[in-house]
Amino acid sequence: MSRLAKTTEPKALRVLLHTLPFFGQLEHLRMSAQDAFDARQAENLLRGIIENKDDSNDNPKNNDYGND
């Protein structure tokens, strides 16, 4: 479980970013329509969190979430 804070730290964003490739693997697997819809919503929510932090970050150095 996460600890709540006023802002999301870059390391948490990196963890979310690293989960996105797994959603691409679902394209080749059989899923019910409802499960596929729910998975797409989850992916979009995670992308939204990452993109919102990218847009609101004033320091360009902190936008590289792929590096530790």
Protein backbone atom coordinates (compact mmCIF):
# COMPACT_ATOMS: atom_id res chain seq x y z
CA MET A 1 0.00 0.00 0.00
CA SER A 2 1.23 3.48 -0.75
CA ARG A 3 1.75 6.29 1.70
CA LEU A 4 -0.27 9.36 0.83
CA ALA A 5 1.48 12.67 0.26
CA LYS A 6 0.73 16.08 -1.22
CA THR A 7 2.79 15.26 -4.34
CA THR A 8 3.78 12.05 -6.09
CA GLU A 9 7.48 11.34 -5.96
CA PRO A 10 9.35 10.58 -9.21
CA LYS A 11 10.16 7.04 -8.11
CA ALA A 12 6.44 6.23 -7.84
CA LEU A 13 5.93 7.58 -11.35
CA ARG A 14 8.77 5.37 -12.61
CA VAL A 15 7.08 2.32 -11.08
CA LEU A 16 3.83 3.21 -12.83
CA LEU A 17 5.68 3.82 -16.08
CA HIS A 18 7.29 0.38 -15.92
CA THR A 19 3.86 -1.29 -15.70
CA LEU A 20 2.63 0.09 -19.04
CA PRO A 21 4.39 -2.45 -21.32
CA PHE A 22 2.44 -5.26 -19.65
CA PHE A 23 -0.81 -3.83 -21.00
CA GLY A 24 0.54 -4.25 -24.54
CA GLN A 25 0.99 -7.96 -23.90
CA LEU A 26 -2.75 -8.28 -23.34
CA GLU A 27 -3.46 -7.54 -27.01
CA HIS A 28 -2.38 -11.06 -27.95
CA LEU A 29 -4.43 -12.81 -25.26
CA ARG A 30 -8.11 -13.68 -25.16
CA MET A 31 -10.11 -11.64 -22.67
CA SER A 32 -13.79 -11.05 -22.08
CA ALA A 33 -15.13 -7.75 -23.37
CA GLN A 34 -15.63 -6.46 -19.83
CA ASP A 35 -12.13 -7.44 -18.71
CA ALA A 36 -10.59 -5.87 -21.82
CA PHE A 37 -12.55 -2.68 -21.17
CA ASP A 38 -11.48 -2.60 -17.51
CA ALA A 39 -7.83 -3.23 -18.45
CA ARG A 40 -7.93 -0.38 -20.99
CA GLN A 41 -9.43 1.94 -18.36
CA ALA A 42 -6.68 1.00 -15.91
CA GLU A 43 -4.02 1.65 -18.53
CA ASN A 44 -5.53 5.02 -19.38
CA LEU A 45 -5.70 6.00 -15.70
CA LEU A 46 -2.04 5.14 -15.20
CA ARG A 47 -1.05 7.04 -18.34
CA GLY A 48 -3.06 10.01 -17.09
CA ILE A 49 -1.23 10.05 -13.77
CA ILE A 50 2.15 9.93 -15.51
CA GLU A 51 1.27 12.53 -18.14
CA ASN A 52 -0.26 14.94 -15.62
CA LYS A 53 2.92 14.89 -13.57
CA ASP A 54 5.00 15.38 -16.73
CA ASP A 55 2.95 18.45 -17.68
CA SER A 56 2.96 19.98 -14.21
CA ASN A 57 6.66 19.44 -13.55
CA ASP A 58 8.58 22.71 -13.82
CA ASN A 59 12.02 21.09 -13.72
CA PRO A 60 12.91 19.37 -17.02
CA LYS A 61 15.57 17.28 -15.26
CA ASN A 62 12.83 15.46 -13.32
CA ASN A 63 10.90 14.44 -16.44
CA ASP A 64 13.11 11.42 -17.14
CA TYR A 65 11.16 8.79 -15.23
CA GLY A 66 13.01 5.92 -16.88
CA ASN A 67 16.21 6.41 -14.89
CA ASP A 68 16.76 5.75 -11.20
